[in-house]
Amino acid sequence: MIGGRGAGRRLEVVLFGTFVSVCALHLSREAVKAAIKTYGSAKWNVIVRDMALGRDARRKMAEVAHTLGHPVREVYRAQGVAMHDNRFGLEVFHGGEPVPLSMLAAKNRTLHPQRLMEDYKLKDMLAVFWARREGAMHFRWDEADFRDQAEVALAYDSLAPLLARRHAFDLALDVVWRDSRGKRRLPGGGKGAAPLEHVFHVAG
């Protein structure tokens, strides 16, 4: 039993370390051909990365789709903290006082590109872009009657298959308390994010 005193105090959870943004786009073969013809390869590479990782992504996707006459569809988008990075950390506070955790429940799903591409036509592409920077995610529950560490669960996605990585790559996305999502605050802005090498999965 922890945090038994002061029921109704604020519960806060902080995840910190390497903050990662990931986006996967469905690009049909026809859309890619039209894009290269319209923009040229170099400009198209900049545009598609900006659609994935830039601001107003959905508006940009709609504009590009209108120009090309072919849809550009967002398949997956997530932001979180890399769990296998040696800078990953988690802190819990109740009523402003640190709470030691010896265990944490987890909810996980694994993203497989093959499942995301089940309805793709031949040579359609799943384009995956990602970027990273230092940052923290804050979760807050006001008036929380927090009593046991088993009430807190971490939600994360396993992205190694999607990112074509040989080793595990898990991204912590959310924290729930008693199956309730708290108020979430992400790192502000996108300055300082370092883009990483993109991955293309092609339907065969």
N, C-alpha and C. Protein backbone atom coordinates (compact mmCIF):
# COMPACT_ATOMS: atom_id res chain seq x y z
N MET A 1 0.86 -1.19 0.00
CA MET A 1 0.00 0.00 0.00
C MET A 1 0.88 1.23 0.00
N ILE A 2 0.71 2.14 -1.01
CA ILE A 2 1.47 3.37 -1.04
C ILE A 2 0.54 4.53 -1.30
N GLY A 3 0.91 5.71 -0.85
CA GLY A 3 0.08 6.88 -1.09
C GLY A 3 -1.24 6.81 -0.37
N GLY A 4 -1.32 6.10 0.75
CA GLY A 4 -2.59 5.92 1.43
C GLY A 4 -3.09 7.17 2.11
N ARG A 5 -2.18 8.04 2.50
CA ARG A 5 -2.60 9.27 3.17
C ARG A 5 -2.93 10.34 2.14
N GLY A 6 -3.82 11.25 2.50
CA GLY A 6 -4.11 12.40 1.65
C GLY A 6 -4.84 12.03 0.38
N ALA A 7 -5.88 11.21 0.50
CA ALA A 7 -6.68 10.87 -0.66
C ALA A 7 -7.21 12.15 -1.29
N GLY A 8 -7.25 12.18 -2.63
CA GLY A 8 -7.73 13.36 -3.31
C GLY A 8 -6.62 14.31 -3.72
N ARG A 9 -5.37 13.94 -3.47
CA ARG A 9 -4.25 14.77 -3.91
C ARG A 9 -3.92 14.49 -5.37
N ARG A 10 -3.20 15.42 -5.97
CA ARG A 10 -2.85 15.29 -7.38
C ARG A 10 -1.85 14.15 -7.58
N LEU A 11 -2.11 13.34 -8.62
CA LEU A 11 -1.20 12.27 -9.04
C LEU A 11 -0.54 12.71 -10.33
N GLU A 12 0.79 12.63 -10.36
CA GLU A 12 1.54 13.03 -11.55
C GLU A 12 2.53 11.94 -11.93
N VAL A 13 2.62 11.67 -13.22
CA VAL A 13 3.59 10.71 -13.75
C VAL A 13 4.37 11.41 -14.86
N VAL A 14 5.68 11.28 -14.82
CA VAL A 14 6.54 11.91 -15.82
C VAL A 14 7.38 10.82 -16.50
N LEU A 15 7.32 10.79 -17.84
CA LEU A 15 8.20 9.94 -18.64
C LEU A 15 9.22 10.85 -19.31
N PHE A 16 10.50 10.52 -19.22
CA PHE A 16 11.49 11.41 -19.82
C PHE A 16 12.59 10.60 -20.49
N GLY A 17 13.29 11.27 -21.39
CA GLY A 17 14.37 10.63 -22.14
C GLY A 17 14.37 11.10 -23.57
N THR A 18 14.43 10.16 -24.51
CA THR A 18 14.41 10.49 -25.93
C THR A 18 12.98 10.47 -26.44
N PHE A 19 12.49 11.65 -26.81
CA PHE A 19 11.12 11.81 -27.29
C PHE A 19 11.11 11.57 -28.80
N VAL A 20 10.25 10.65 -29.25
CA VAL A 20 10.24 10.21 -30.64
C VAL A 20 8.88 10.47 -31.28
N SER A 21 8.91 10.99 -32.50
CA SER A 21 7.70 11.14 -33.32
C SER A 21 7.79 10.17 -34.49
N VAL A 22 6.72 9.44 -34.74
CA VAL A 22 6.69 8.44 -35.82
C VAL A 22 5.43 8.64 -36.65
N CYS A 23 5.57 8.55 -37.96
CA CYS A 23 4.40 8.61 -38.84
C CYS A 23 4.61 7.67 -40.01
N ALA A 24 3.56 6.91 -40.35
CA ALA A 24 3.59 6.02 -41.50
C ALA A 24 2.50 6.44 -42.48
N LEU A 25 2.88 6.60 -43.75
CA LEU A 25 1.96 7.05 -44.78
C LEU A 25 1.80 5.97 -45.85
N HIS A 26 0.56 5.82 -46.32
CA HIS A 26 0.30 4.94 -47.46
C HIS A 26 0.42 5.77 -48.72
N LEU A 27 1.39 5.43 -49.55
CA LEU A 27 1.61 6.11 -50.83
C LEU A 27 1.39 5.09 -51.94
N SER A 28 0.37 5.30 -52.73
CA SER A 28 0.12 4.38 -53.83
C SER A 28 1.18 4.56 -54.91
N ARG A 29 1.33 3.56 -55.73
CA ARG A 29 2.30 3.63 -56.83
C ARG A 29 1.98 4.81 -57.74
N GLU A 30 0.67 5.02 -57.97
CA GLU A 30 0.24 6.11 -58.85
C GLU A 30 0.55 7.47 -58.23
N ALA A 31 0.37 7.57 -56.91
CA ALA A 31 0.65 8.83 -56.22
C ALA A 31 2.13 9.18 -56.29
N VAL A 32 2.99 8.18 -56.11
CA VAL A 32 4.43 8.42 -56.16
C VAL A 32 4.86 8.86 -57.56
N LYS A 33 4.34 8.18 -58.59
CA LYS A 33 4.67 8.56 -59.96
C LYS A 33 4.24 9.99 -60.25
N ALA A 34 3.02 10.33 -59.84
CA ALA A 34 2.52 11.68 -60.07
C ALA A 34 3.33 12.71 -59.30
N ALA A 35 3.75 12.36 -58.09
CA ALA A 35 4.51 13.29 -57.26
C ALA A 35 5.88 13.59 -57.88
N ILE A 36 6.56 12.56 -58.34
CA ILE A 36 7.88 12.77 -58.95
C ILE A 36 7.77 13.58 -60.23
N LYS A 37 6.71 13.33 -60.98
CA LYS A 37 6.48 14.10 -62.21
C LYS A 37 6.16 15.55 -61.90
N THR A 38 5.41 15.79 -60.83
CA THR A 38 4.97 17.14 -60.48
C THR A 38 6.04 17.94 -59.77
N TYR A 39 6.69 17.32 -58.79
CA TYR A 39 7.63 18.04 -57.93
C TYR A 39 9.10 17.77 -58.23
N GLY A 40 9.38 16.63 -58.85
CA GLY A 40 10.77 16.18 -58.96
C GLY A 40 11.14 15.40 -57.71
N SER A 41 12.10 14.51 -57.82
CA SER A 41 12.43 13.60 -56.71
C SER A 41 12.89 14.34 -55.46
N ALA A 42 13.79 15.31 -55.63
CA ALA A 42 14.36 15.99 -54.46
C ALA A 42 13.29 16.75 -53.68
N LYS A 43 12.46 17.51 -54.39
CA LYS A 43 11.42 18.28 -53.71
C LYS A 43 10.37 17.36 -53.09
N TRP A 44 10.05 16.27 -53.78
CA TRP A 44 9.07 15.33 -53.25
C TRP A 44 9.56 14.71 -51.94
N ASN A 45 10.84 14.40 -51.85
CA ASN A 45 11.38 13.84 -50.61
C ASN A 45 11.19 14.80 -49.44
N VAL A 46 11.37 16.08 -49.69
CA VAL A 46 11.17 17.09 -48.65
C VAL A 46 9.70 17.19 -48.29
N ILE A 47 8.83 17.19 -49.29
CA ILE A 47 7.39 17.34 -49.07
C ILE A 47 6.83 16.16 -48.27
N VAL A 48 7.21 14.94 -48.63
CA VAL A 48 6.63 13.78 -47.97
C VAL A 48 7.10 13.69 -46.52
N ARG A 49 8.34 14.08 -46.26
CA ARG A 49 8.82 14.10 -44.87
C ARG A 49 8.08 15.18 -44.07
N ASP A 50 7.82 16.31 -44.71
CA ASP A 50 7.11 17.39 -44.03
C ASP A 50 5.67 16.98 -43.73
N MET A 51 5.06 16.22 -44.63
CA MET A 51 3.70 15.71 -44.38
C MET A 51 3.69 14.79 -43.17
N ALA A 52 4.76 14.04 -43.01
CA ALA A 52 4.82 13.06 -41.93
C ALA A 52 5.18 13.70 -40.59
N LEU A 53 6.15 14.61 -40.59
CA LEU A 53 6.70 15.10 -39.33
C LEU A 53 6.51 16.59 -39.09
N GLY A 54 6.06 17.32 -40.10
CA GLY A 54 5.91 18.76 -39.94
C GLY A 54 4.60 19.14 -39.27
N ARG A 55 4.40 20.44 -39.11
CA ARG A 55 3.16 20.94 -38.54
C ARG A 55 2.05 20.93 -39.58
N ASP A 56 0.81 20.95 -39.12
CA ASP A 56 -0.36 20.95 -40.02
C ASP A 56 -0.28 19.82 -41.04
N ALA A 57 0.10 18.64 -40.56
CA ALA A 57 0.34 17.50 -41.46
C ALA A 57 -0.89 17.14 -42.27
N ARG A 58 -2.04 17.11 -41.64
CA ARG A 58 -3.25 16.69 -42.36
C ARG A 58 -3.64 17.70 -43.44
N ARG A 59 -3.46 18.97 -43.15
CA ARG A 59 -3.74 19.99 -44.16
C ARG A 59 -2.80 19.83 -45.35
N LYS A 60 -1.54 19.59 -45.09
CA LYS A 60 -0.57 19.41 -46.16
C LYS A 60 -0.88 18.17 -46.98
N MET A 61 -1.29 17.09 -46.30
CA MET A 61 -1.65 15.87 -47.02
C MET A 61 -2.81 16.12 -47.96
N ALA A 62 -3.81 16.87 -47.48
CA ALA A 62 -4.98 17.18 -48.31
C ALA A 62 -4.58 18.02 -49.51
N GLU A 63 -3.69 18.98 -49.31
CA GLU A 63 -3.24 19.83 -50.42
C GLU A 63 -2.47 19.03 -51.46
N VAL A 64 -1.58 18.16 -50.99
CA VAL A 64 -0.78 17.35 -51.91
C VAL A 64 -1.67 16.36 -52.66
N ALA A 65 -2.60 15.73 -51.95
CA ALA A 65 -3.51 14.79 -52.59
C ALA A 65 -4.33 15.48 -53.67
N HIS A 66 -4.76 16.71 -53.39
CA HIS A 66 -5.53 17.48 -54.38
C HIS A 66 -4.68 17.78 -55.61
N THR A 67 -3.43 18.16 -55.38
CA THR A 67 -2.53 18.47 -56.49
C THR A 67 -2.24 17.24 -57.34
N LEU A 68 -2.02 16.11 -56.68
CA LEU A 68 -1.65 14.89 -57.40
C LEU A 68 -2.84 14.18 -58.01
N GLY A 69 -4.02 14.39 -57.44
CA GLY A 69 -5.18 13.65 -57.89
C GLY A 69 -5.21 12.23 -57.36
N HIS A 70 -4.42 11.97 -56.33
CA HIS A 70 -4.36 10.66 -55.68
C HIS A 70 -4.28 10.86 -54.17
N PRO A 71 -4.94 10.02 -53.39
CA PRO A 71 -4.92 10.21 -51.94
C PRO A 71 -3.57 9.88 -51.31
N VAL A 72 -3.27 10.58 -50.24
CA VAL A 72 -2.13 10.26 -49.38
C VAL A 72 -2.73 9.98 -48.01
N ARG A 73 -2.58 8.77 -47.52
CA ARG A 73 -3.31 8.36 -46.31
C ARG A 73 -2.36 8.12 -45.15
N GLU A 74 -2.71 8.71 -44.01
CA GLU A 74 -1.95 8.46 -42.79
C GLU A 74 -2.41 7.14 -42.17
N VAL A 75 -1.48 6.23 -41.96
CA VAL A 75 -1.79 4.91 -41.43
C VAL A 75 -1.50 4.82 -39.93
N TYR A 76 -0.45 5.51 -39.50
CA TYR A 76 -0.05 5.44 -38.10
C TYR A 76 0.67 6.72 -37.73
N ARG A 77 0.36 7.24 -36.56
CA ARG A 77 1.06 8.42 -36.04
C ARG A 77 1.15 8.28 -34.52
N ALA A 78 2.31 8.51 -33.97
CA ALA A 78 2.48 8.39 -32.52
C ALA A 78 3.65 9.25 -32.06
N GLN A 79 3.55 9.66 -30.81
CA GLN A 79 4.64 10.37 -30.14
C GLN A 79 4.82 9.75 -28.76
N GLY A 80 6.05 9.54 -28.38
CA GLY A 80 6.29 8.93 -27.08
C GLY A 80 7.76 8.94 -26.72
N VAL A 81 8.09 8.24 -25.65
CA VAL A 81 9.46 8.20 -25.14
C VAL A 81 10.03 6.79 -25.37
N ALA A 82 11.22 6.75 -25.96
CA ALA A 82 11.86 5.47 -26.28
C ALA A 82 12.25 4.74 -25.00
N MET A 83 11.74 3.52 -24.83
CA MET A 83 11.93 2.80 -23.58
C MET A 83 13.28 2.09 -23.49
N HIS A 84 13.89 1.76 -24.62
CA HIS A 84 15.16 1.02 -24.59
C HIS A 84 16.36 1.95 -24.61
N ASP A 85 16.11 3.24 -24.62
CA ASP A 85 17.19 4.21 -24.56
C ASP A 85 17.70 4.29 -23.12
N ASN A 86 19.00 4.45 -22.95
CA ASN A 86 19.54 4.47 -21.58
C ASN A 86 19.17 5.74 -20.81
N ARG A 87 18.54 6.70 -21.49
CA ARG A 87 18.10 7.91 -20.81
C ARG A 87 16.65 7.83 -20.35
N PHE A 88 15.99 6.72 -20.66
CA PHE A 88 14.58 6.58 -20.30
C PHE A 88 14.40 6.56 -18.78
N GLY A 89 13.42 7.29 -18.32
CA GLY A 89 13.11 7.30 -16.90
C GLY A 89 11.64 7.58 -16.65
N LEU A 90 11.18 7.21 -15.47
CA LEU A 90 9.79 7.40 -15.08
C LEU A 90 9.75 7.83 -13.62
N GLU A 91 9.00 8.88 -13.34
CA GLU A 91 8.84 9.36 -11.97
C GLU A 91 7.36 9.53 -11.66
N VAL A 92 6.99 9.22 -10.43
CA VAL A 92 5.61 9.34 -9.97
C VAL A 92 5.57 10.21 -8.72
N PHE A 93 4.61 11.13 -8.69
CA PHE A 93 4.43 12.01 -7.53
C PHE A 93 2.96 11.99 -7.12
N HIS A 94 2.73 11.95 -5.81
CA HIS A 94 1.37 12.06 -5.28
C HIS A 94 1.37 13.15 -4.23
N GLY A 95 0.58 14.18 -4.48
CA GLY A 95 0.59 15.32 -3.57
C GLY A 95 1.94 16.02 -3.52
N GLY A 96 2.68 15.97 -4.63
CA GLY A 96 3.98 16.60 -4.70
C GLY A 96 5.11 15.79 -4.12
N GLU A 97 4.81 14.63 -3.54
CA GLU A 97 5.84 13.78 -2.94
C GLU A 97 6.16 12.61 -3.87
N PRO A 98 7.44 12.28 -4.04
CA PRO A 98 7.80 11.16 -4.90
C PRO A 98 7.28 9.84 -4.36
N VAL A 99 6.84 8.99 -5.28
CA VAL A 99 6.31 7.67 -4.92
C VAL A 99 7.22 6.61 -5.56
N PRO A 100 7.85 5.75 -4.78
CA PRO A 100 8.69 4.69 -5.36
C PRO A 100 7.83 3.60 -5.97
N LEU A 101 8.22 3.15 -7.16
CA LEU A 101 7.51 2.05 -7.83
C LEU A 101 8.45 0.86 -7.96
N SER A 102 7.99 -0.29 -7.56
CA SER A 102 8.77 -1.51 -7.74
C SER A 102 8.28 -2.32 -8.93
N MET A 103 7.11 -1.96 -9.45
CA MET A 103 6.55 -2.65 -10.61
C MET A 103 5.59 -1.71 -11.31
N LEU A 104 5.31 -2.02 -12.58
CA LEU A 104 4.38 -1.21 -13.35
C LEU A 104 3.67 -2.10 -14.35
N ALA A 105 2.35 -2.08 -14.33
CA ALA A 105 1.58 -2.86 -15.30
C ALA A 105 1.78 -2.25 -16.69
N ALA A 106 1.59 -3.05 -17.72
CA ALA A 106 1.82 -2.56 -19.08
C ALA A 106 0.76 -3.07 -20.04
N LYS A 107 0.44 -2.23 -21.01
CA LYS A 107 -0.45 -2.59 -22.11
C LYS A 107 0.32 -2.36 -23.40
N ASN A 108 0.41 -3.39 -24.22
CA ASN A 108 1.30 -3.34 -25.37
C ASN A 108 0.63 -3.85 -26.64
N ARG A 109 1.03 -3.27 -27.78
CA ARG A 109 0.67 -3.82 -29.08
C ARG A 109 1.89 -3.72 -29.99
N THR A 110 2.00 -4.66 -30.92
CA THR A 110 3.12 -4.67 -31.86
C THR A 110 2.61 -4.29 -33.24
N LEU A 111 3.29 -3.34 -33.88
CA LEU A 111 2.91 -2.87 -35.21
C LEU A 111 3.69 -3.64 -36.26
N HIS A 112 2.97 -4.44 -37.06
CA HIS A 112 3.59 -5.19 -38.15
C HIS A 112 3.21 -4.54 -39.48
N PRO A 113 4.18 -4.17 -40.31
CA PRO A 113 3.85 -3.53 -41.58
C PRO A 113 2.97 -4.39 -42.47
N GLN A 114 3.14 -5.71 -42.41
CA GLN A 114 2.35 -6.59 -43.27
C GLN A 114 0.85 -6.45 -42.97
N ARG A 115 0.52 -6.29 -41.70
CA ARG A 115 -0.88 -6.14 -41.34
C ARG A 115 -1.43 -4.79 -41.78
N LEU A 116 -0.59 -3.77 -41.71
CA LEU A 116 -1.03 -2.45 -42.15
C LEU A 116 -1.19 -2.38 -43.66
N MET A 117 -0.54 -3.30 -44.38
CA MET A 117 -0.51 -3.24 -45.84
C MET A 117 -1.36 -4.31 -46.50
N GLU A 118 -2.27 -4.90 -45.75
CA GLU A 118 -3.03 -6.04 -46.27
C GLU A 118 -3.85 -5.70 -47.52
N ASP A 119 -4.35 -4.46 -47.62
CA ASP A 119 -5.18 -4.10 -48.76
C ASP A 119 -4.41 -3.30 -49.82
N TYR A 120 -3.07 -3.27 -49.72
CA TYR A 120 -2.28 -2.49 -50.66
C TYR A 120 -2.19 -3.20 -52.01
N LYS A 121 -2.11 -2.41 -53.06
CA LYS A 121 -1.89 -2.95 -54.40
C LYS A 121 -0.39 -3.14 -54.63
N LEU A 122 -0.06 -3.88 -55.67
CA LEU A 122 1.33 -4.15 -56.01
C LEU A 122 2.10 -2.84 -56.17
N LYS A 123 3.25 -2.76 -55.51
CA LYS A 123 4.16 -1.62 -55.54
C LYS A 123 3.68 -0.41 -54.75
N ASP A 124 2.54 -0.54 -54.07
CA ASP A 124 2.17 0.51 -53.12
C ASP A 124 3.20 0.54 -52.00
N MET A 125 3.30 1.66 -51.34
CA MET A 125 4.38 1.85 -50.38
C MET A 125 3.85 2.31 -49.02
N LEU A 126 4.42 1.74 -47.96
CA LEU A 126 4.21 2.24 -46.61
C LEU A 126 5.50 2.98 -46.23
N ALA A 127 5.41 4.30 -46.19
CA ALA A 127 6.58 5.13 -45.92
C ALA A 127 6.58 5.54 -44.45
N VAL A 128 7.64 5.18 -43.74
CA VAL A 128 7.71 5.44 -42.30
C VAL A 128 8.81 6.47 -42.02
N PHE A 129 8.41 7.55 -41.37
CA PHE A 129 9.35 8.62 -41.02
C PHE A 129 9.37 8.79 -39.51
N TRP A 130 10.54 9.12 -38.98
CA TRP A 130 10.61 9.34 -37.54
C TRP A 130 11.73 10.32 -37.21
N ALA A 131 11.58 10.95 -36.05
CA ALA A 131 12.56 11.93 -35.59
C ALA A 131 12.62 11.85 -34.08
N ARG A 132 13.72 12.33 -33.51
CA ARG A 132 13.87 12.24 -32.06
C ARG A 132 14.50 13.51 -31.48
N ARG A 133 14.26 13.75 -30.22
CA ARG A 133 14.88 14.83 -29.46
C ARG A 133 14.70 14.53 -27.99
N GLU A 134 15.36 15.28 -27.16
CA GLU A 134 15.19 15.10 -25.72
C GLU A 134 13.86 15.73 -25.29
N GLY A 135 13.17 15.08 -24.37
CA GLY A 135 11.90 15.65 -23.92
C GLY A 135 11.24 14.79 -22.87
N ALA A 136 10.11 15.27 -22.39
CA ALA A 136 9.37 14.57 -21.34
C ALA A 136 7.87 14.68 -21.60
N MET A 137 7.15 13.66 -21.15
CA MET A 137 5.68 13.65 -21.21
C MET A 137 5.16 13.67 -19.77
N HIS A 138 4.19 14.54 -19.53
CA HIS A 138 3.63 14.70 -18.19
C HIS A 138 2.17 14.25 -18.20
N PHE A 139 1.79 13.47 -17.21
CA PHE A 139 0.41 13.00 -17.05
C PHE A 139 -0.08 13.40 -15.66
N ARG A 140 -1.33 13.88 -15.58
CA ARG A 140 -1.81 14.40 -14.30
C ARG A 140 -3.27 14.01 -14.07
N TRP A 141 -3.54 13.61 -12.84
CA TRP A 141 -4.91 13.35 -12.39
C TRP A 141 -5.14 14.20 -11.14
N ASP A 142 -6.10 15.08 -11.18
CA ASP A 142 -6.42 15.91 -10.02
C ASP A 142 -7.35 15.14 -9.09
N GLU A 143 -7.22 15.38 -7.82
CA GLU A 143 -8.07 14.72 -6.82
C GLU A 143 -8.00 13.20 -6.95
N ALA A 144 -6.80 12.66 -6.98
CA ALA A 144 -6.61 11.23 -7.18
C ALA A 144 -6.47 10.50 -5.85
N ASP A 145 -7.33 9.54 -5.63
CA ASP A 145 -7.26 8.69 -4.44
C ASP A 145 -6.33 7.51 -4.76
N PHE A 146 -5.06 7.82 -4.89
CA PHE A 146 -4.06 6.84 -5.31
C PHE A 146 -3.59 6.02 -4.11
N ARG A 147 -3.73 4.68 -4.21
CA ARG A 147 -3.41 3.82 -3.07
C ARG A 147 -2.43 2.70 -3.39
N ASP A 148 -2.36 2.29 -4.65
CA ASP A 148 -1.54 1.11 -4.95
C ASP A 148 -0.90 1.27 -6.32
N GLN A 149 0.37 0.85 -6.42
CA GLN A 149 1.08 0.98 -7.69
C GLN A 149 0.46 0.14 -8.80
N ALA A 150 -0.29 -0.88 -8.45
CA ALA A 150 -0.94 -1.71 -9.46
C ALA A 150 -2.03 -0.95 -10.20
N GLU A 151 -2.42 0.21 -9.69
CA GLU A 151 -3.45 1.02 -10.35
C GLU A 151 -2.90 1.75 -11.57
N VAL A 152 -1.58 1.85 -11.67
CA VAL A 152 -0.95 2.61 -12.76
C VAL A 152 -0.44 1.65 -13.83
N ALA A 153 -0.76 1.95 -15.09
CA ALA A 153 -0.32 1.10 -16.20
C ALA A 153 0.28 1.96 -17.30
N LEU A 154 1.30 1.43 -17.93
CA LEU A 154 1.99 2.10 -19.02
C LEU A 154 1.55 1.48 -20.34
N ALA A 155 1.15 2.31 -21.30
CA ALA A 155 0.78 1.83 -22.63
C ALA A 155 1.93 2.13 -23.60
N TYR A 156 2.34 1.10 -24.35
CA TYR A 156 3.43 1.32 -25.30
C TYR A 156 3.24 0.47 -26.55
N ASP A 157 3.83 0.94 -27.64
CA ASP A 157 3.81 0.22 -28.91
C ASP A 157 5.20 -0.33 -29.20
N SER A 158 5.25 -1.56 -29.70
CA SER A 158 6.51 -2.17 -30.14
C SER A 158 6.66 -1.90 -31.64
N LEU A 159 7.66 -1.12 -32.01
CA LEU A 159 7.77 -0.61 -33.37
C LEU A 159 8.94 -1.18 -34.16
N ALA A 160 9.65 -2.16 -33.62
CA ALA A 160 10.81 -2.71 -34.33
C ALA A 160 10.45 -3.19 -35.74
N PRO A 161 9.36 -3.94 -35.94
CA PRO A 161 9.03 -4.37 -37.31
C PRO A 161 8.72 -3.19 -38.23
N LEU A 162 8.00 -2.21 -37.73
CA LEU A 162 7.63 -1.05 -38.54
C LEU A 162 8.85 -0.24 -38.95
N LEU A 163 9.82 -0.12 -38.03
CA LEU A 163 11.02 0.66 -38.29
C LEU A 163 12.16 -0.17 -38.86
N ALA A 164 11.86 -1.45 -39.14
CA ALA A 164 12.85 -2.37 -39.72
C ALA A 164 14.12 -2.46 -38.87
N ARG A 165 13.91 -2.57 -37.57
CA ARG A 165 15.04 -2.67 -36.64
C ARG A 165 15.18 -4.11 -36.14
N ARG A 166 16.41 -4.55 -36.01
CA ARG A 166 16.66 -5.91 -35.55
C ARG A 166 16.40 -6.07 -34.06
N HIS A 167 16.63 -5.03 -33.31
CA HIS A 167 16.46 -5.09 -31.86
C HIS A 167 15.16 -4.41 -31.45
N ALA A 168 14.72 -4.72 -30.27
CA ALA A 168 13.45 -4.19 -29.77
C ALA A 168 13.46 -2.66 -29.76
N PHE A 169 12.32 -2.10 -30.13
CA PHE A 169 12.14 -0.65 -30.04
C PHE A 169 10.72 -0.38 -29.56
N ASP A 170 10.60 -0.09 -28.28
CA ASP A 170 9.29 0.14 -27.68
C ASP A 170 9.13 1.62 -27.37
N LEU A 171 7.95 2.15 -27.70
CA LEU A 171 7.68 3.57 -27.52
C LEU A 171 6.57 3.74 -26.49
N ALA A 172 6.92 4.35 -25.35
CA ALA A 172 5.93 4.61 -24.30
C ALA A 172 5.04 5.77 -24.73
N LEU A 173 3.73 5.51 -24.82
CA LEU A 173 2.80 6.48 -25.38
C LEU A 173 1.89 7.13 -24.36
N ASP A 174 1.50 6.38 -23.35
CA ASP A 174 0.46 6.87 -22.45
C ASP A 174 0.58 6.18 -21.09
N VAL A 175 -0.01 6.81 -20.10
CA VAL A 175 -0.11 6.24 -18.76
C VAL A 175 -1.57 6.33 -18.33
N VAL A 176 -2.09 5.25 -17.77
CA VAL A 176 -3.47 5.26 -17.27
C VAL A 176 -3.46 4.92 -15.79
N TRP A 177 -4.38 5.51 -15.08
CA TRP A 177 -4.57 5.24 -13.66
C TRP A 177 -6.01 4.78 -13.47
N ARG A 178 -6.17 3.57 -12.94
CA ARG A 178 -7.50 2.96 -12.80
C ARG A 178 -8.26 3.02 -14.13
N ASP A 179 -7.54 2.71 -15.21
CA ASP A 179 -8.10 2.70 -16.57
C ASP A 179 -8.59 4.07 -17.02
N SER A 180 -8.12 5.11 -16.37
CA SER A 180 -8.51 6.48 -16.73
C SER A 180 -7.30 7.23 -17.27
N ARG A 181 -7.47 7.91 -18.39
CA ARG A 181 -6.40 8.71 -18.95
C ARG A 181 -6.36 10.06 -18.25
N GLY A 182 -5.17 10.51 -17.92
CA GLY A 182 -5.02 11.80 -17.27
C GLY A 182 -4.84 12.92 -18.28
N LYS A 183 -4.66 14.11 -17.77
CA LYS A 183 -4.33 15.25 -18.62
C LYS A 183 -2.88 15.09 -19.06
N ARG A 184 -2.66 15.19 -20.36
CA ARG A 184 -1.34 14.90 -20.91
C ARG A 184 -0.69 16.17 -21.46
N ARG A 185 0.58 16.34 -21.19
CA ARG A 185 1.34 17.47 -21.74
C ARG A 185 2.60 16.93 -22.42
N LEU A 186 2.75 17.29 -23.69
CA LEU A 186 3.90 16.85 -24.48
C LEU A 186 4.92 17.98 -24.59
N PRO A 187 6.14 17.67 -25.01
CA PRO A 187 7.12 18.73 -25.24
C PRO A 187 6.60 19.72 -26.26
N GLY A 188 6.77 21.00 -26.02
CA GLY A 188 6.26 22.02 -26.93
C GLY A 188 7.11 22.17 -28.17
N GLY A 189 6.43 22.47 -29.29
CA GLY A 189 7.15 22.73 -30.54
C GLY A 189 7.85 21.51 -31.09
N GLY A 190 8.52 21.69 -32.22
CA GLY A 190 9.25 20.59 -32.82
C GLY A 190 10.70 20.94 -33.11
N LYS A 191 11.16 22.06 -32.54
CA LYS A 191 12.53 22.49 -32.80
C LYS A 191 13.53 21.53 -32.16
N GLY A 192 14.61 21.31 -32.87
CA GLY A 192 15.66 20.46 -32.33
C GLY A 192 15.47 18.99 -32.59
N ALA A 193 14.37 18.62 -33.26
CA ALA A 193 14.15 17.21 -33.57
C ALA A 193 15.08 16.77 -34.69
N ALA A 194 15.77 15.67 -34.48
CA ALA A 194 16.71 15.15 -35.47
C ALA A 194 16.03 14.05 -36.27
N PRO A 195 15.79 14.26 -37.58
CA PRO A 195 15.17 13.20 -38.38
C PRO A 195 16.09 12.00 -38.52
N LEU A 196 15.51 10.83 -38.47
CA LEU A 196 16.26 9.58 -38.61
C LEU A 196 15.95 8.97 -39.97
N GLU A 197 16.72 7.97 -40.34
CA GLU A 197 16.57 7.40 -41.68
C GLU A 197 15.19 6.77 -41.85
N HIS A 198 14.50 7.18 -42.90
CA HIS A 198 13.15 6.67 -43.13
C HIS A 198 13.20 5.23 -43.65
N VAL A 199 12.04 4.59 -43.60
CA VAL A 199 11.92 3.20 -44.01
C VAL A 199 10.77 3.08 -45.01
N PHE A 200 11.00 2.40 -46.11
CA PHE A 200 9.95 2.16 -47.10
C PHE A 200 9.65 0.66 -47.14
N HIS A 201 8.40 0.30 -46.89
CA HIS A 201 7.93 -1.07 -47.08
C HIS A 201 7.12 -1.09 -48.37
N VAL A 202 7.48 -1.95 -49.30
CA VAL A 202 6.83 -1.98 -50.61
C VAL A 202 6.01 -3.26 -50.74
N ALA A 203 4.76 -3.11 -51.15
CA ALA A 203 3.87 -4.26 -51.32
C ALA A 203 4.33 -5.09 -52.51
N GLY A 204 4.48 -6.39 -52.26
CA GLY A 204 4.93 -7.28 -53.32
C GLY A 204 3.88 -8.26 -53.71
